[in-house]
PDB file of N, CA and C in Angstrom:
ATOM      1  N   MET A   1     -90.404 -43.573  36.645  1.00  0.00           N
ATOM      2  CA  MET A   1     -89.588 -43.035  35.577  1.00  0.00           C
ATOM      3  C   MET A   1     -88.549 -42.082  36.139  1.00  0.00           C
ATOM      4  N   SER A   2     -87.413 -42.082  35.508  1.00  0.00           N
ATOM      5  CA  SER A   2     -86.347 -41.190  35.971  1.00  0.00           C
ATOM      6  C   SER A   2     -86.537 -39.797  35.377  1.00  0.00           C
ATOM      7  N   PRO A   3     -85.976 -38.791  36.025  1.00  0.00           N
ATOM      8  CA  PRO A   3     -86.074 -37.424  35.497  1.00  0.00           C
ATOM      9  C   PRO A   3     -85.451 -37.297  34.106  1.00  0.00           C
ATOM     10  N   THR A   4     -84.425 -38.098  33.836  1.00  0.00           N
ATOM     11  CA  THR A   4     -83.790 -38.042  32.518  1.00  0.00           C
ATOM     12  C   THR A   4     -84.746 -38.511  31.431  1.00  0.00           C
ATOM     13  N   ALA A   5     -85.474 -39.586  31.700  1.00  0.00           N
ATOM     14  CA  ALA A   5     -86.438 -40.105  30.729  1.00  0.00           C
ATOM     15  C   ALA A   5     -87.551 -39.089  30.489  1.00  0.00           C
ATOM     16  N   ASP A   6     -87.998 -38.437  31.550  1.00  0.00           N
ATOM     17  CA  ASP A   6     -89.022 -37.400  31.403  1.00  0.00           C
ATOM     18  C   ASP A   6     -88.511 -36.261  30.536  1.00  0.00           C
ATOM     19  N   PHE A   7     -87.258 -35.841  30.774  1.00  0.00           N
ATOM     20  CA  PHE A   7     -86.675 -34.752  30.001  1.00  0.00           C
ATOM     21  C   PHE A   7     -86.599 -35.114  28.529  1.00  0.00           C
ATOM     22  N   TYR A   8     -86.146 -36.347  28.209  1.00  0.00           N
ATOM     23  CA  TYR A   8     -86.028 -36.762  26.814  1.00  0.00           C
ATOM     24  C   TYR A   8     -87.395 -36.844  26.137  1.00  0.00           C
ATOM     25  N   GLY A   9     -88.388 -37.280  26.857  1.00  0.00           N
ATOM     26  CA  GLY A   9     -89.733 -37.331  26.299  1.00  0.00           C
ATOM     27  C   GLY A   9     -90.272 -35.951  25.991  1.00  0.00           C
ATOM     28  N   ILE A  10     -90.100 -35.032  26.932  1.00  0.00           N
ATOM     29  CA  ILE A  10     -90.560 -33.649  26.732  1.00  0.00           C
ATOM     30  C   ILE A  10     -89.770 -32.992  25.609  1.00  0.00           C
ATOM     31  N   ALA A  11     -88.465 -33.236  25.566  1.00  0.00           N
ATOM     32  CA  ALA A  11     -87.625 -32.657  24.516  1.00  0.00           C
ATOM     33  C   ALA A  11     -88.037 -33.184  23.139  1.00  0.00           C
ATOM     34  N   ALA A  12     -88.338 -34.469  23.047  1.00  0.00           N
ATOM     35  CA  ALA A  12     -88.758 -35.046  21.768  1.00  0.00           C
ATOM     36  C   ALA A  12     -90.068 -34.429  21.294  1.00  0.00           C
ATOM     37  N   ILE A  13     -91.013 -34.258  22.203  1.00  0.00           N
ATOM     38  CA  ILE A  13     -92.291 -33.633  21.842  1.00  0.00           C
ATOM     39  C   ILE A  13     -92.076 -32.192  21.406  1.00  0.00           C
ATOM     40  N   ALA A  14     -91.216 -31.470  22.117  1.00  0.00           N
ATOM     41  CA  ALA A  14     -90.939 -30.069  21.764  1.00  0.00           C
ATOM     42  C   ALA A  14     -90.292 -29.972  20.387  1.00  0.00           C
ATOM     43  N   VAL A  15     -89.328 -30.823  20.110  1.00  0.00           N
ATOM     44  CA  VAL A  15     -88.667 -30.798  18.794  1.00  0.00           C
ATOM     45  C   VAL A  15     -89.669 -31.116  17.692  1.00  0.00           C
ATOM     46  N   CYS A  16     -90.507 -32.112  17.899  1.00  0.00           N
ATOM     47  CA  CYS A  16     -91.534 -32.453  16.907  1.00  0.00           C
ATOM     48  C   CYS A  16     -92.489 -31.286  16.674  1.00  0.00           C
ATOM     49  N   ALA A  17     -92.881 -30.618  17.734  1.00  0.00           N
ATOM     50  CA  ALA A  17     -93.795 -29.477  17.606  1.00  0.00           C
ATOM     51  C   ALA A  17     -93.140 -28.335  16.839  1.00  0.00           C
ATOM     52  N   ILE A  18     -91.888 -28.041  17.145  1.00  0.00           N
ATOM     53  CA  ILE A  18     -91.177 -26.953  16.465  1.00  0.00           C
ATOM     54  C   ILE A  18     -90.991 -27.266  14.985  1.00  0.00           C
ATOM     55  N   VAL A  19     -90.594 -28.482  14.670  1.00  0.00           N
ATOM     56  CA  VAL A  19     -90.396 -28.871  13.269  1.00  0.00           C
ATOM     57  C   VAL A  19     -91.719 -28.828  12.515  1.00  0.00           C
ATOM     58  N   THR A  20     -92.798 -29.322  13.118  1.00  0.00           N
ATOM     59  CA  THR A  20     -94.106 -29.298  12.466  1.00  0.00           C
ATOM     60  C   THR A  20     -94.556 -27.865  12.205  1.00  0.00           C
ATOM     61  N   MET A  21     -94.404 -26.994  13.186  1.00  0.00           N
ATOM     62  CA  MET A  21     -94.786 -25.590  12.995  1.00  0.00           C
ATOM     63  C   MET A  21     -93.937 -24.946  11.903  1.00  0.00           C
ATOM     64  N   GLY A  22     -92.652 -25.266  11.867  1.00  0.00           N
ATOM     65  CA  GLY A  22     -91.776 -24.713  10.836  1.00  0.00           C
ATOM     66  C   GLY A  22     -92.171 -25.162   9.446  1.00  0.00           C
ATOM     67  N   ILE A  23     -92.444 -26.449   9.301  1.00  0.00           N
ATOM     68  CA  ILE A  23     -92.825 -26.982   7.987  1.00  0.00           C
ATOM     69  C   ILE A  23     -94.158 -26.401   7.540  1.00  0.00           C
ATOM     70  N   ARG A  24     -95.091 -26.268   8.454  1.00  0.00           N
ATOM     71  CA  ARG A  24     -96.405 -25.728   8.087  1.00  0.00           C
ATOM     72  C   ARG A  24     -96.363 -24.238   7.778  1.00  0.00           C
ATOM     73  N   SER A  25     -95.466 -23.492   8.397  1.00  0.00           N
ATOM     74  CA  SER A  25     -95.400 -22.054   8.142  1.00  0.00           C
ATOM     75  C   SER A  25     -94.494 -21.703   6.967  1.00  0.00           C
ATOM     76  N   LEU A  26     -93.663 -22.632   6.520  1.00  0.00           N
ATOM     77  CA  LEU A  26     -92.719 -22.370   5.437  1.00  0.00           C
ATOM     78  C   LEU A  26     -93.391 -21.852   4.159  1.00  0.00           C
ATOM     79  N   PRO A  27     -94.481 -22.464   3.664  1.00  0.00           N
ATOM     80  CA  PRO A  27     -95.112 -21.933   2.447  1.00  0.00           C
ATOM     81  C   PRO A  27     -95.604 -20.492   2.610  1.00  0.00           C
ATOM     82  N   PHE A  28     -96.093 -20.148   3.797  1.00  0.00           N
ATOM     83  CA  PHE A  28     -96.574 -18.780   4.018  1.00  0.00           C
ATOM     84  C   PHE A  28     -95.418 -17.789   4.033  1.00  0.00           C
ATOM     85  N   LEU A  29     -94.270 -18.231   4.493  1.00  0.00           N
ATOM     86  CA  LEU A  29     -93.099 -17.362   4.500  1.00  0.00           C
ATOM     87  C   LEU A  29     -92.503 -17.221   3.102  1.00  0.00           C
ATOM     88  N   VAL A  30     -92.478 -18.303   2.348  1.00  0.00           N
ATOM     89  CA  VAL A  30     -91.881 -18.279   1.009  1.00  0.00           C
ATOM     90  C   VAL A  30     -92.760 -17.508   0.029  1.00  0.00           C
ATOM     91  N   PHE A  31     -94.070 -17.724   0.067  1.00  0.00           N
ATOM     92  CA  PHE A  31     -94.989 -17.096  -0.888  1.00  0.00           C
ATOM     93  C   PHE A  31     -95.780 -15.974  -0.243  1.00  0.00           C
ATOM     94  N   ARG A  32     -95.145 -15.170   0.556  1.00  0.00           N
ATOM     95  CA  ARG A  32     -95.777 -14.100   1.329  1.00  0.00           C
ATOM     96  C   ARG A  32     -96.484 -13.095   0.411  1.00  0.00           C
ATOM     97  N   GLY A  33     -97.817 -13.203   0.292  1.00  0.00           N
ATOM     98  CA  GLY A  33     -98.611 -12.231  -0.446  1.00  0.00           C
ATOM     99  C   GLY A  33     -98.448 -12.279  -1.949  1.00  0.00           C
ATOM    100  N   ASP A  34     -97.515 -13.052  -2.458  1.00  0.00           N
ATOM    101  CA  ASP A  34     -97.318 -13.127  -3.899  1.00  0.00           C
ATOM    102  C   ASP A  34     -98.300 -14.115  -4.508  1.00  0.00           C
ATOM    103  N   LYS A  35     -98.457 -13.988  -5.808  1.00  0.00           N
ATOM    104  CA  LYS A  35     -99.262 -14.981  -6.521  1.00  0.00           C
ATOM    105  C   LYS A  35     -98.439 -16.267  -6.574  1.00  0.00           C
ATOM    106  N   LEU A  36     -99.113 -17.374  -6.362  1.00  0.00           N
ATOM    107  CA  LEU A  36     -98.418 -18.659  -6.381  1.00  0.00           C
ATOM    108  C   LEU A  36     -97.893 -18.960  -7.784  1.00  0.00           C
ATOM    109  N   PRO A  37     -96.730 -19.560  -7.868  1.00  0.00           N
ATOM    110  CA  PRO A  37     -96.232 -19.969  -9.183  1.00  0.00           C
ATOM    111  C   PRO A  37     -97.190 -20.965  -9.844  1.00  0.00           C
ATOM    112  N   GLU A  38     -97.206 -20.954 -11.151  1.00  0.00           N
ATOM    113  CA  GLU A  38     -98.136 -21.806 -11.891  1.00  0.00           C
ATOM    114  C   GLU A  38     -97.909 -23.287 -11.594  1.00  0.00           C
ATOM    115  N   LYS A  39     -96.658 -23.691 -11.390  1.00  0.00           N
ATOM    116  CA  LYS A  39     -96.367 -25.099 -11.090  1.00  0.00           C
ATOM    117  C   LYS A  39     -96.964 -25.510  -9.745  1.00  0.00           C
ATOM    118  N   ILE A  40     -96.938 -24.618  -8.772  1.00  0.00           N
ATOM    119  CA  ILE A  40     -97.512 -24.921  -7.462  1.00  0.00           C
ATOM    120  C   ILE A  40     -99.028 -25.023  -7.566  1.00  0.00           C
ATOM    121  N   GLU A  41     -99.647 -24.138  -8.326  1.00  0.00           N
ATOM    122  CA  GLU A  41    -101.099 -24.209  -8.524  1.00  0.00           C
ATOM    123  C   GLU A  41    -101.485 -25.497  -9.240  1.00  0.00           C
ATOM    124  N   TYR A  42    -100.660 -25.907 -10.211  1.00  0.00           N
ATOM    125  CA  TYR A  42    -100.906 -27.163 -10.927  1.00  0.00           C
ATOM    126  C   TYR A  42    -100.842 -28.340  -9.955  1.00  0.00           C
ATOM    127  N   LEU A  43     -99.825 -28.359  -9.110  1.00  0.00           N
ATOM    128  CA  LEU A  43     -99.703 -29.430  -8.122  1.00  0.00           C
ATOM    129  C   LEU A  43    -100.900 -29.435  -7.179  1.00  0.00           C
ATOM    130  N   GLY A  44    -101.359 -28.259  -6.784  1.00  0.00           N
ATOM    131  CA  GLY A  44    -102.520 -28.158  -5.903  1.00  0.00           C
ATOM    132  C   GLY A  44    -103.780 -28.716  -6.533  1.00  0.00           C
ATOM    133  N   ARG A  45    -103.891 -28.611  -7.852  1.00  0.00           N
ATOM    134  CA  ARG A  45    -105.061 -29.160  -8.548  1.00  0.00           C
ATOM    135  C   ARG A  45    -104.927 -30.661  -8.782  1.00  0.00           C
ATOM    136  N   MET A  46    -103.722 -31.136  -9.062  1.00  0.00           N
ATOM    137  CA  MET A  46    -103.541 -32.521  -9.493  1.00  0.00           C
ATOM    138  C   MET A  46    -103.245 -33.508  -8.359  1.00  0.00           C
ATOM    139  N   LEU A  47    -102.578 -33.087  -7.318  1.00  0.00           N
ATOM    140  CA  LEU A  47    -102.150 -34.019  -6.277  1.00  0.00           C
ATOM    141  C   LEU A  47    -103.292 -34.686  -5.502  1.00  0.00           C
ATOM    142  N   PRO A  48    -104.360 -33.978  -5.133  1.00  0.00           N
ATOM    143  CA  PRO A  48    -105.411 -34.675  -4.376  1.00  0.00           C
ATOM    144  C   PRO A  48    -105.974 -35.898  -5.110  1.00  0.00           C
ATOM    145  N   GLY A  49    -106.277 -35.751  -6.382  1.00  0.00           N
ATOM    146  CA  GLY A  49    -106.778 -36.884  -7.156  1.00  0.00           C
ATOM    147  C   GLY A  49    -105.737 -37.980  -7.309  1.00  0.00           C
ATOM    148  N   SER A  50    -104.491 -37.584  -7.518  1.00  0.00           N
ATOM    149  CA  SER A  50    -103.405 -38.559  -7.664  1.00  0.00           C
ATOM    150  C   SER A  50    -103.208 -39.350  -6.384  1.00  0.00           C
ATOM    151  N   ILE A  51    -103.260 -38.671  -5.267  1.00  0.00           N
ATOM    152  CA  ILE A  51    -103.103 -39.348  -3.973  1.00  0.00           C
ATOM    153  C   ILE A  51    -104.243 -40.341  -3.757  1.00  0.00           C
ATOM    154  N   MET A  52    -105.467 -39.958  -4.138  1.00  0.00           N
ATOM    155  CA  MET A  52    -106.600 -40.864  -3.971  1.00  0.00           C
ATOM    156  C   MET A  52    -106.435 -42.113  -4.837  1.00  0.00           C
ATOM    157  N   VAL A  53    -105.937 -41.962  -6.059  1.00  0.00           N
ATOM    158  CA  VAL A  53    -105.703 -43.123  -6.926  1.00  0.00           C
ATOM    159  C   VAL A  53    -104.667 -44.045  -6.294  1.00  0.00           C
ATOM    160  N   ILE A  54    -103.600 -43.476  -5.767  1.00  0.00           N
ATOM    161  CA  ILE A  54    -102.561 -44.276  -5.116  1.00  0.00           C
ATOM    162  C   ILE A  54    -103.137 -45.006  -3.905  1.00  0.00           C
ATOM    163  N   LEU A  55    -103.975 -44.329  -3.118  1.00  0.00           N
ATOM    164  CA  LEU A  55    -104.582 -44.973  -1.947  1.00  0.00           C
ATOM    165  C   LEU A  55    -105.519 -46.109  -2.339  1.00  0.00           C
ATOM    166  N   VAL A  56    -106.286 -45.933  -3.415  1.00  0.00           N
ATOM    167  CA  VAL A  56    -107.182 -47.002  -3.870  1.00  0.00           C
ATOM    168  C   VAL A  56    -106.360 -48.206  -4.319  1.00  0.00           C
ATOM    169  N   ILE A  57    -105.303 -47.962  -5.082  1.00  0.00           N
ATOM    170  CA  ILE A  57    -104.442 -49.068  -5.519  1.00  0.00           C
ATOM    171  C   ILE A  57    -103.818 -49.757  -4.311  1.00  0.00           C
ATOM    172  N   PHE A  58    -103.371 -48.980  -3.346  1.00  0.00           N
ATOM    173  CA  PHE A  58    -102.774 -49.552  -2.143  1.00  0.00           C
ATOM    174  C   PHE A  58    -103.783 -50.413  -1.388  1.00  0.00           C
ATOM    175  N   CYS A  59    -105.022 -49.935  -1.282  1.00  0.00           N
ATOM    176  CA  CYS A  59    -106.047 -50.683  -0.540  1.00  0.00           C
ATOM    177  C   CYS A  59    -106.458 -51.970  -1.251  1.00  0.00           C
ATOM    178  N   LEU A  60    -106.396 -51.968  -2.571  1.00  0.00           N
ATOM    179  CA  LEU A  60    -106.857 -53.126  -3.334  1.00  0.00           C
ATOM    180  C   LEU A  60    -105.737 -54.079  -3.724  1.00  0.00           C
ATOM    181  N   ARG A  61    -104.514 -53.819  -3.321  1.00  0.00           N
ATOM    182  CA  ARG A  61    -103.365 -54.598  -3.778  1.00  0.00           C
ATOM    183  C   ARG A  61    -103.415 -56.059  -3.369  1.00  0.00           C
ATOM    184  N   ASN A  62    -104.046 -56.389  -2.259  1.00  0.00           N
ATOM    185  CA  ASN A  62    -104.093 -57.775  -1.784  1.00  0.00           C
ATOM    186  C   ASN A  62    -105.423 -58.465  -2.071  1.00  0.00           C
ATOM    187  N   THR A  63    -106.226 -57.882  -2.929  1.00  0.00           N
ATOM    188  CA  THR A  63    -107.520 -58.465  -3.257  1.00  0.00           C
ATOM    189  C   THR A  63    -107.307 -59.704  -4.124  1.00  0.00           C
ATOM    190  N   ASP A  64    -107.850 -60.831  -3.671  1.00  0.00           N
ATOM    191  CA  ASP A  64    -107.721 -62.083  -4.413  1.00  0.00           C
ATOM    192  C   ASP A  64    -108.948 -62.257  -5.292  1.00  0.00           C
ATOM    193  N   ILE A  65    -108.762 -62.075  -6.596  1.00  0.00           N
ATOM    194  CA  ILE A  65    -109.900 -62.187  -7.515  1.00  0.00           C
ATOM    195  C   ILE A  65    -110.103 -63.620  -7.996  1.00  0.00           C
ATOM    196  N   HIS A  66    -109.262 -64.554  -7.520  1.00  0.00           N
ATOM    197  CA  HIS A  66    -109.368 -65.946  -7.939  1.00  0.00           C
ATOM    198  C   HIS A  66    -110.046 -66.828  -6.898  1.00  0.00           C
ATOM    199  N   ALA A  67    -110.397 -66.271  -5.763  1.00  0.00           N
ATOM    200  CA  ALA A  67    -111.054 -67.043  -4.708  1.00  0.00           C
ATOM    201  C   ALA A  67    -112.339 -66.322  -4.305  1.00  0.00           C
ATOM    202  N   ARG A  68    -113.267 -67.101  -3.772  1.00  0.00           N
ATOM    203  CA  ARG A  68    -114.530 -66.539  -3.332  1.00  0.00           C
ATOM    204  C   ARG A  68    -114.284 -65.444  -2.311  1.00  0.00           C
ATOM    205  N   PRO A  69    -114.859 -64.319  -2.342  1.00  0.00           N
ATOM    206  CA  PRO A  69    -115.939 -63.767  -3.164  1.00  0.00           C
ATOM    207  C   PRO A  69    -115.455 -62.993  -4.392  1.00  0.00           C
ATOM    208  N   TYR A  70    -114.250 -63.290  -4.888  1.00  0.00           N
ATOM    209  CA  TYR A  70    -113.754 -62.771  -6.162  1.00  0.00           C
ATOM    210  C   TYR A  70    -113.618 -61.252  -6.222  1.00  0.00           C
ATOM    211  N   GLY A  71    -113.365 -60.636  -5.111  1.00  0.00           N
ATOM    212  CA  GLY A  71    -113.169 -59.187  -5.073  1.00  0.00           C
ATOM    213  C   GLY A  71    -114.452 -58.390  -5.159  1.00  0.00           C
ATOM    214  N   LEU A  72    -115.587 -59.056  -5.045  1.00  0.00           N
ATOM    215  CA  LEU A  72    -116.882 -58.372  -5.149  1.00  0.00           C
ATOM    216  C   LEU A  72    -117.105 -57.327  -4.063  1.00  0.00           C
ATOM    217  N   PRO A  73    -116.818 -57.612  -2.778  1.00  0.00           N
ATOM    218  CA  PRO A  73    -117.020 -56.572  -1.759  1.00  0.00           C
ATOM    219  C   PRO A  73    -116.183 -55.320  -2.024  1.00  0.00           C
ATOM    220  N   GLU A  74    -114.950 -55.522  -2.454  1.00  0.00           N
ATOM    221  CA  GLU A  74    -114.075 -54.385  -2.730  1.00  0.00           C
ATOM    222  C   GLU A  74    -114.600 -53.564  -3.901  1.00  0.00           C
ATOM    223  N   LEU A  75    -115.019 -54.250  -4.961  1.00  0.00           N
ATOM    224  CA  LEU A  75    -115.530 -53.557  -6.139  1.00  0.00           C
ATOM    225  C   LEU A  75    -116.790 -52.758  -5.806  1.00  0.00           C
ATOM    226  N   VAL A  76    -117.720 -53.385  -5.086  1.00  0.00           N
ATOM    227  CA  VAL A  76    -118.971 -52.709  -4.719  1.00  0.00           C
ATOM    228  C   VAL A  76    -118.669 -51.456  -3.899  1.00  0.00           C
ATOM    229  N   CYS A  77    -117.754 -51.587  -2.945  1.00  0.00           N
ATOM    230  CA  CYS A  77    -117.495 -50.457  -2.044  1.00  0.00           C
ATOM    231  C   CYS A  77    -116.669 -49.356  -2.692  1.00  0.00           C
ATOM    232  N   VAL A  78    -115.790 -49.709  -3.632  1.00  0.00           N
ATOM    233  CA  VAL A  78    -115.056 -48.673  -4.371  1.00  0.00           C
ATOM    234  C   VAL A  78    -116.032 -47.876  -5.232  1.00  0.00           C
ATOM    235  N   VAL A  79    -116.940 -48.571  -5.909  1.00  0.00           N
ATOM    236  CA  VAL A  79    -117.942 -47.882  -6.736  1.00  0.00           C
ATOM    237  C   VAL A  79    -118.852 -47.024  -5.855  1.00  0.00           C
ATOM    238  N   LEU A  80    -119.268 -47.584  -4.706  1.00  0.00           N
ATOM    239  CA  LEU A  80    -120.100 -46.817  -3.776  1.00  0.00           C
ATOM    240  C   LEU A  80    -119.373 -45.562  -3.297  1.00  0.00           C
ATOM    241  N   CYS A  81    -118.114 -45.703  -2.948  1.00  0.00           N
ATOM    242  CA  CYS A  81    -117.343 -44.560  -2.472  1.00  0.00           C
ATOM    243  C   CYS A  81    -117.219 -43.483  -3.553  1.00  0.00           C
ATOM    244  N   ALA A  82    -116.938 -43.916  -4.795  1.00  0.00           N
ATOM    245  CA  ALA A  82    -116.829 -42.955  -5.898  1.00  0.00           C
ATOM    246  C   ALA A  82    -118.163 -42.246  -6.133  1.00  0.00           C
ATOM    247  N   PHE A  83    -119.260 -43.013  -6.093  1.00  0.00           N
ATOM    248  CA  PHE A  83    -120.585 -42.421  -6.281  1.00  0.00           C
ATOM    249  C   PHE A  83    -120.893 -41.407  -5.182  1.00  0.00           C
ATOM    250  N   LEU A  84    -120.644 -41.801  -3.932  1.00  0.00           N
ATOM    251  CA  LEU A  84    -120.928 -40.897  -2.812  1.00  0.00           C
ATOM    252  C   LEU A  84    -120.053 -39.648  -2.864  1.00  0.00           C
ATOM    253  N   GLN A  85    -118.807 -39.821  -3.253  1.00  0.00           N
ATOM    254  CA  GLN A  85    -117.912 -38.662  -3.347  1.00  0.00           C
ATOM    255  C   GLN A  85    -118.405 -37.696  -4.417  1.00  0.00           C
ATOM    256  N   LYS A  86    -118.830 -38.245  -5.547  1.00  0.00           N
ATOM    257  CA  LYS A  86    -119.348 -37.398  -6.630  1.00  0.00           C
ATOM    258  C   LYS A  86    -120.626 -36.685  -6.189  1.00  0.00           C
ATOM    259  N   LYS A  87    -121.477 -37.408  -5.454  1.00  0.00           N
ATOM    260  CA  LYS A  87    -122.769 -36.857  -5.029  1.00  0.00           C
ATOM    261  C   LYS A  87    -122.623 -35.871  -3.862  1.00  0.00           C
ATOM    262  N   LEU A  88    -121.868 -36.264  -2.829  1.00  0.00           N
ATOM    263  CA  LEU A  88    -121.794 -35.469  -1.606  1.00  0.00           C
ATOM    264  C   LEU A  88    -120.673 -34.434  -1.611  1.00  0.00           C
ATOM    265  N   ARG A  89    -119.623 -34.687  -2.394  1.00  0.00           N
ATOM    266  CA  ARG A  89    -118.440 -33.813  -2.417  1.00  0.00           C
ATOM    267  C   ARG A  89    -117.813 -33.661  -1.030  1.00  0.00           C
ATOM    268  N   ASN A  90    -117.837 -34.760  -0.262  1.00  0.00           N
ATOM    269  CA  ASN A  90    -117.259 -34.751   1.077  1.00  0.00           C
ATOM    270  C   ASN A  90    -116.664 -36.130   1.330  1.00  0.00           C
ATOM    271  N   SER A  91    -115.361 -36.175   1.529  1.00  0.00           N
ATOM    272  CA  SER A  91    -114.687 -37.469   1.606  1.00  0.00           C
ATOM    273  C   SER A  91    -114.980 -38.230   2.896  1.00  0.00           C
ATOM    274  N   ILE A  92    -115.235 -37.541   3.980  1.00  0.00           N
ATOM    275  CA  ILE A  92    -115.443 -38.243   5.253  1.00  0.00           C
ATOM    276  C   ILE A  92    -116.671 -39.155   5.215  1.00  0.00           C
ATOM    277  N   PRO A  93    -117.860 -38.653   4.844  1.00  0.00           N
ATOM    278  CA  PRO A  93    -118.991 -39.586   4.778  1.00  0.00           C
ATOM    279  C   PRO A  93    -118.814 -40.635   3.676  1.00  0.00           C
ATOM    280  N   SER A  94    -118.180 -40.274   2.571  1.00  0.00           N
ATOM    281  CA  SER A  94    -117.970 -41.245   1.494  1.00  0.00           C
ATOM    282  C   SER A  94    -117.133 -42.413   1.981  1.00  0.00           C
ATOM    283  N   ILE A  95    -116.042 -42.125   2.643  1.00  0.00           N
ATOM    284  CA  ILE A  95    -115.155 -43.179   3.144  1.00  0.00           C
ATOM    285  C   ILE A  95    -115.828 -43.943   4.277  1.00  0.00           C
ATOM    286  N   ALA A  96    -116.486 -43.239   5.185  1.00  0.00           N
ATOM    287  CA  ALA A  96    -117.117 -43.899   6.332  1.00  0.00           C
ATOM    288  C   ALA A  96    -118.234 -44.843   5.889  1.00  0.00           C
ATOM    289  N   ILE A  97    -119.097 -44.392   5.001  1.00  0.00           N
ATOM    290  CA  ILE A  97    -120.210 -45.229   4.541  1.00  0.00           C
ATOM    291  C   ILE A  97    -119.687 -46.423   3.752  1.00  0.00           C
ATOM    292  N   SER A  98    -118.708 -46.212   2.881  1.00  0.00           N
ATOM    293  CA  SER A  98    -118.155 -47.338   2.109  1.00  0.00           C
ATOM    294  C   SER A  98    -117.463 -48.341   3.009  1.00  0.00           C
ATOM    295  N   THR A  99    -116.746 -47.856   4.016  1.00  0.00           N
ATOM    296  CA  THR A  99    -116.081 -48.767   4.952  1.00  0.00           C
ATOM    297  C   THR A  99    -117.115 -49.585   5.720  1.00  0.00           C
ATOM    298  N   LEU A 100    -118.154 -48.932   6.193  1.00  0.00           N
ATOM    299  CA  LEU A 100    -119.227 -49.637   6.896  1.00  0.00           C
ATOM    300  C   LEU A 100    -119.860 -50.685   5.987  1.00  0.00           C
ATOM    301  N   CYS A 101    -120.133 -50.297   4.752  1.00  0.00           N
ATOM    302  CA  CYS A 101    -120.707 -51.225   3.778  1.00  0.00           C
ATOM    303  C   CYS A 101    -119.776 -52.419   3.564  1.00  0.00           C
ATOM    304  N   TYR A 102    -118.490 -52.178   3.442  1.00  0.00           N
ATOM    305  CA  TYR A 102    -117.511 -53.258   3.249  1.00  0.00           C
ATOM    306  C   TYR A 102    -117.513 -54.209   4.442  1.00  0.00           C
ATOM    307  N   MET A 103    -117.534 -53.649   5.636  1.00  0.00           N
ATOM    308  CA  MET A 103    -117.537 -54.492   6.844  1.00  0.00           C
ATOM    309  C   MET A 103    -118.798 -55.356   6.907  1.00  0.00           C
ATOM    310  N   VAL A 104    -119.926 -54.794   6.553  1.00  0.00           N
ATOM    311  CA  VAL A 104    -121.179 -55.566   6.566  1.00  0.00           C
ATOM    312  C   VAL A 104    -121.119 -56.679   5.521  1.00  0.00           C
ATOM    313  N   ILE A 105    -120.638 -56.347   4.317  1.00  0.00           N
ATOM    314  CA  ILE A 105    -120.588 -57.350   3.242  1.00  0.00           C
ATOM    315  C   ILE A 105    -119.659 -58.503   3.608  1.00  0.00           C
ATOM    316  N   ILE A 106    -118.454 -58.204   4.112  1.00  0.00           N
ATOM    317  CA  ILE A 106    -117.534 -59.305   4.404  1.00  0.00           C
ATOM    318  C   ILE A 106    -118.023 -60.153   5.582  1.00  0.00           C
ATOM    319  N   ARG A 107    -118.771 -59.562   6.502  1.00  0.00           N
ATOM    320  CA  ARG A 107    -119.325 -60.346   7.610  1.00  0.00           C
ATOM    321  C   ARG A 107    -120.464 -61.246   7.122  1.00  0.00           C
ATOM    322  N   MET A 108    -121.240 -60.751   6.171  1.00  0.00           N
ATOM    323  CA  MET A 108    -122.342 -61.543   5.637  1.00  0.00           C
ATOM    324  C   MET A 108    -121.820 -62.687   4.760  1.00  0.00           C
ATOM    325  N   LEU A 109    -120.741 -62.445   4.033  1.00  0.00           N
ATOM    326  CA  LEU A 109    -120.191 -63.481   3.144  1.00  0.00           C
ATOM    327  C   LEU A 109    -119.307 -64.466   3.879  1.00  0.00           C
ATOM    328  N   GLY A 110    -118.725 -64.030   5.011  1.00  0.00           N
ATOM    329  CA  GLY A 110    -117.772 -64.870   5.733  1.00  0.00           C
ATOM    330  C   GLY A 110    -118.467 -65.816   6.593  1.00  0.00           C
TER     331      GLY A 110
END
């Protein structure tokens, strides 16, 4: 590799790091010690659930309910994930266990 390519790679990483740090510190600078505006608190309460709904729709968008197995593995694992999330209140094991369950089901049916 040439020294120029090394410089551009290092510069790109540095710029990404600076921009990421700036974006992450911006809310702390803007709302320094003040009470958060009600609209921001509302977004903080509503966005996590909204994002999860969008992700579920995105994951299920290509499910073919007209061909075998008729979307059964997806339905079982979505219900399992929702149940585990409600029970455990931790998204990592909920997603991991449901994904594992989905992989086992599609291998058994395929």
